[in-house]
């Protein structure tokens, strides 16, 4: 009978250790999820900032080319032509 009691105690100890391990892993999982959420938010913020900076860079290139910069003159002409085509398209849509 004492052997059965020892086996039961051993099983109970193992089960208790497994529950502790499960709780520890669940806490670790929550921490990792929180860190992931923070990382995703940071990446989104950085992506938005990159897009804003690219837009600002394009605007500065356009302004520079309008002020007489030679290296961006072709890009400016293409952009102006594109804008004119868009305006013509809008006028055509309005006149229909």
Protein backbone atom coordinates (compact mmCIF):
# COMPACT_ATOMS: atom_id res chain seq x y z
CA UNK A 1 0.00 0.00 0.00
CA UNK A 2 2.87 2.40 0.71
CA UNK A 3 4.19 1.87 -2.81
CA UNK A 4 0.84 3.00 -4.23
CA UNK A 5 0.90 6.06 -1.94
CA UNK A 6 4.42 6.90 -3.12
CA UNK A 7 3.37 6.53 -6.76
CA UNK A 8 0.34 8.74 -6.15
CA UNK A 9 2.49 11.36 -4.41
CA UNK A 10 4.98 11.21 -7.28
CA UNK A 11 2.19 11.67 -9.83
CA UNK A 12 0.70 14.53 -7.81
CA UNK A 13 4.10 16.24 -7.63
CA UNK A 14 4.58 15.85 -11.38
CA UNK A 15 1.09 17.23 -12.04
CA UNK A 16 1.79 20.21 -9.76
CA UNK A 17 5.06 20.86 -11.61
CA UNK A 18 3.23 20.66 -14.95
CA UNK A 19 0.61 23.17 -13.76
CA UNK A 20 3.36 25.51 -12.63
CA UNK A 21 5.09 25.11 -15.97
CA UNK A 22 1.82 25.80 -17.82
CA UNK A 23 1.22 28.97 -15.79
CA UNK A 24 4.77 30.11 -16.42
CA UNK A 25 4.41 29.51 -20.16
CA UNK A 26 1.07 31.34 -20.26
CA UNK A 27 2.64 34.37 -18.55
CA UNK A 28 5.52 34.24 -21.01
CA UNK A 29 3.05 34.06 -23.88
CA UNK A 30 1.20 37.13 -22.64
CA UNK A 31 4.50 39.03 -22.37
CA UNK A 32 5.49 38.04 -25.90
CA UNK A 33 2.07 39.07 -27.26
CA UNK A 34 2.35 42.47 -25.58
CA UNK A 35 5.84 42.95 -27.00
CA UNK A 36 4.57 41.94 -30.45
CA UNK A 37 1.75 44.49 -30.22
CA UNK A 38 4.22 47.21 -29.26
CA UNK A 39 6.49 46.21 -32.14
CA UNK A 40 3.63 46.24 -34.64
CA UNK A 41 2.59 49.70 -33.46
CA UNK A 42 6.16 50.96 -33.75
CA UNK A 43 6.51 49.51 -37.26
CA UNK A 44 3.24 51.15 -38.34
CA UNK A 45 4.37 54.49 -36.92
CA UNK A 46 7.72 54.21 -38.69
CA UNK A 47 6.01 53.25 -41.96
CA UNK A 48 3.78 56.32 -41.72
CA UNK A 49 6.79 58.48 -40.98
CA UNK A 50 8.68 57.03 -43.96
CA UNK A 51 5.72 57.74 -46.26
CA UNK A 52 5.51 61.32 -45.00
CA UNK A 53 9.24 61.83 -45.48
CA UNK A 54 9.11 60.40 -49.01
CA UNK A 55 6.27 62.76 -49.85
CA UNK A 56 8.20 65.67 -48.39
CA UNK A 57 11.30 64.64 -50.35
CA UNK A 58 9.29 64.54 -53.58
CA UNK A 59 7.85 67.97 -52.82
CA UNK A 60 11.31 69.34 -52.15
CA UNK A 61 12.61 67.85 -55.40
CA UNK A 62 9.73 69.49 -57.26
CA UNK A 63 10.35 72.85 -55.60
CA UNK A 64 14.05 72.59 -56.33
CA UNK A 65 13.45 71.84 -59.98
CA UNK A 66 11.03 74.76 -60.26
CA UNK A 67 13.68 77.02 -58.79
CA UNK A 68 16.06 76.15 -61.56
CA UNK A 69 17.72 72.90 -60.55
CA UNK A 70 18.92 71.09 -63.67
CA UNK A 71 18.93 67.54 -62.34
CA UNK A 72 15.17 67.34 -61.70
CA UNK A 73 13.90 69.30 -64.70
CA UNK A 74 12.82 66.19 -66.59
CA UNK A 75 10.91 64.85 -63.57
CA UNK A 76 9.15 68.19 -63.17
CA UNK A 77 8.08 68.25 -66.80
CA UNK A 78 6.75 64.70 -66.52
CA UNK A 79 4.85 65.54 -63.34
CA UNK A 80 3.34 68.68 -64.87
CA UNK A 81 2.29 66.73 -67.96
CA UNK A 82 0.74 64.08 -65.75
CA UNK A 83 -1.17 66.72 -63.79
CA UNK A 84 -2.39 68.32 -67.02
CA UNK A 85 -3.64 64.94 -68.28
CA UNK A 86 -5.48 64.39 -64.98
CA UNK A 87 -7.09 67.83 -65.21
CA UNK A 88 -8.12 67.20 -68.82
CA UNK A 89 -9.63 63.87 -67.79
CA UNK A 90 -11.58 65.53 -64.97
CA UNK A 91 -12.86 68.24 -67.31
CA UNK A 92 -13.94 65.58 -69.79
CA UNK A 93 -15.77 63.70 -67.04
CA UNK A 94 -17.54 66.86 -65.90
CA UNK A 95 -18.61 67.79 -69.41
CA UNK A 96 -20.26 64.40 -69.98
